[in-house]
C-alpha atoms as a PDB file:
ATOM      1  CA  UNK A   1     -16.329   0.683 -14.227  1.00  0.00           C
ATOM      2  CA  UNK A   2     -16.221   0.804 -10.423  1.00  0.00           C
ATOM      3  CA  UNK A   3     -14.120  -1.888  -8.790  1.00  0.00           C
ATOM      4  CA  UNK A   4     -13.025  -2.992  -5.321  1.00  0.00           C
ATOM      5  CA  UNK A   5      -9.457  -1.909  -4.536  1.00  0.00           C
ATOM      6  CA  UNK A   6      -7.001  -2.367  -1.676  1.00  0.00           C
ATOM      7  CA  UNK A   7      -3.567  -0.781  -1.242  1.00  0.00           C
ATOM      8  CA  UNK A   8      -1.150  -2.110   1.379  1.00  0.00           C
ATOM      9  CA  UNK A   9       2.525  -1.775   2.342  1.00  0.00           C
ATOM     10  CA  UNK A  10       4.652  -4.836   3.220  1.00  0.00           C
ATOM     11  CA  UNK A  11       8.161  -5.143   4.606  1.00  0.00           C
ATOM     12  CA  UNK A  12      10.834  -7.363   3.000  1.00  0.00           C
ATOM     13  CA  UNK A  13       9.792 -10.335   5.162  1.00  0.00           C
ATOM     14  CA  UNK A  14       6.269 -10.144   3.717  1.00  0.00           C
ATOM     15  CA  UNK A  15       4.612  -8.764   6.848  1.00  0.00           C
ATOM     16  CA  UNK A  16       1.894  -6.186   6.170  1.00  0.00           C
ATOM     17  CA  UNK A  17       2.873  -2.960   7.951  1.00  0.00           C
ATOM     18  CA  UNK A  18       0.362  -0.396   6.644  1.00  0.00           C
ATOM     19  CA  UNK A  19      -3.012  -0.275   4.948  1.00  0.00           C
ATOM     20  CA  UNK A  20      -3.371   2.780   2.727  1.00  0.00           C
ATOM     21  CA  UNK A  21      -6.735   1.809   1.284  1.00  0.00           C
ATOM     22  CA  UNK A  22      -9.056  -0.800   2.754  1.00  0.00           C
ATOM     23  CA  UNK A  23     -10.893  -2.963   0.247  1.00  0.00           C
ATOM     24  CA  UNK A  24     -13.433  -0.450  -1.015  1.00  0.00           C
ATOM     25  CA  UNK A  25     -15.279   0.444  -4.189  1.00  0.00           C
ATOM     26  CA  UNK A  26     -13.449   3.028  -6.312  1.00  0.00           C
ATOM     27  CA  UNK A  27     -14.791   4.941  -9.299  1.00  0.00           C
ATOM     28  CA  UNK A  28     -12.956   4.877 -12.629  1.00  0.00           C
ATOM     29  CA  UNK A  29     -10.170   7.409 -13.158  1.00  0.00           C
ATOM     30  CA  UNK A  30      -6.794   8.369 -11.728  1.00  0.00           C
ATOM     31  CA  UNK A  31      -6.262   8.128  -7.998  1.00  0.00           C
ATOM     32  CA  UNK A  32      -3.339   8.780  -5.685  1.00  0.00           C
ATOM     33  CA  UNK A  33      -2.269   7.855  -2.200  1.00  0.00           C
ATOM     34  CA  UNK A  34       0.568   8.977   0.085  1.00  0.00           C
ATOM     35  CA  UNK A  35       2.415   6.949   2.703  1.00  0.00           C
ATOM     36  CA  UNK A  36       4.177   8.773   5.534  1.00  0.00           C
ATOM     37  CA  UNK A  37       6.501   5.915   6.535  1.00  0.00           C
ATOM     38  CA  UNK A  38       4.471   4.807   9.539  1.00  0.00           C
ATOM     39  CA  UNK A  39       2.759   1.531  10.332  1.00  0.00           C
ATOM     40  CA  UNK A  40      -0.956   1.095  11.036  1.00  0.00           C
ATOM     41  CA  UNK A  41      -0.292   2.018  14.692  1.00  0.00           C
ATOM     42  CA  UNK A  42       1.285   5.360  13.739  1.00  0.00           C
ATOM     43  CA  UNK A  43       4.832   4.270  14.660  1.00  0.00           C
ATOM     44  CA  UNK A  44       7.736   5.329  12.445  1.00  0.00           C
ATOM     45  CA  UNK A  45       9.200   2.448  10.462  1.00  0.00           C
ATOM     46  CA  UNK A  46      12.916   1.921   9.937  1.00  0.00           C
ATOM     47  CA  UNK A  47      14.704   2.913   6.766  1.00  0.00           C
ATOM     48  CA  UNK A  48      14.709   0.091   4.244  1.00  0.00           C
ATOM     49  CA  UNK A  49      12.895  -1.580   1.392  1.00  0.00           C
ATOM     50  CA  UNK A  50       9.117  -1.909   1.380  1.00  0.00           C
ATOM     51  CA  UNK A  51       6.590  -3.095  -1.177  1.00  0.00           C
ATOM     52  CA  UNK A  52       3.344  -1.329  -2.048  1.00  0.00           C
ATOM     53  CA  UNK A  53       0.741  -3.838  -3.268  1.00  0.00           C
ATOM     54  CA  UNK A  54      -2.407  -2.843  -5.170  1.00  0.00           C
ATOM     55  CA  UNK A  55      -5.130  -5.481  -5.525  1.00  0.00           C
ATOM     56  CA  UNK A  56      -8.117  -4.955  -7.779  1.00  0.00           C
ATOM     57  CA  UNK A  57     -10.448  -7.229  -9.760  1.00  0.00           C
ATOM     58  CA  UNK A  58      -8.202 -10.262  -9.381  1.00  0.00           C
ATOM     59  CA  UNK A  59      -5.083  -8.346 -10.367  1.00  0.00           C
ATOM     60  CA  UNK A  60      -2.149  -7.865  -7.969  1.00  0.00           C
ATOM     61  CA  UNK A  61       0.558  -5.295  -8.780  1.00  0.00           C
ATOM     62  CA  UNK A  62       3.526  -4.429  -6.567  1.00  0.00           C
ATOM     63  CA  UNK A  63       6.086  -1.657  -6.524  1.00  0.00           C
ATOM     64  CA  UNK A  64       9.334  -1.682  -4.561  1.00  0.00           C
ATOM     65  CA  UNK A  65       9.943   1.442  -2.459  1.00  0.00           C
ATOM     66  CA  UNK A  66      12.905   2.704  -0.432  1.00  0.00           C
ATOM     67  CA  UNK A  67      12.150   4.473   2.830  1.00  0.00           C
ATOM     68  CA  UNK A  68      15.026   6.767   3.768  1.00  0.00           C
ATOM     69  CA  UNK A  69      15.003   8.545   7.119  1.00  0.00           C
END
């Protein structure tokens, strides 16, 4: 079933730094996304811990990531 999905990256202080997928309708199946370590303005972010948050159909999942430059 199609569902609305958003995928965002947050820093350790909880500030959203990048939007990988705006809230949009997505078809069923496997999907992938890549993050190049930049913020929404295209600026390189510092090495450190970030969180990737997927929101879909009332469900919120997060994954901790380490950005190493």
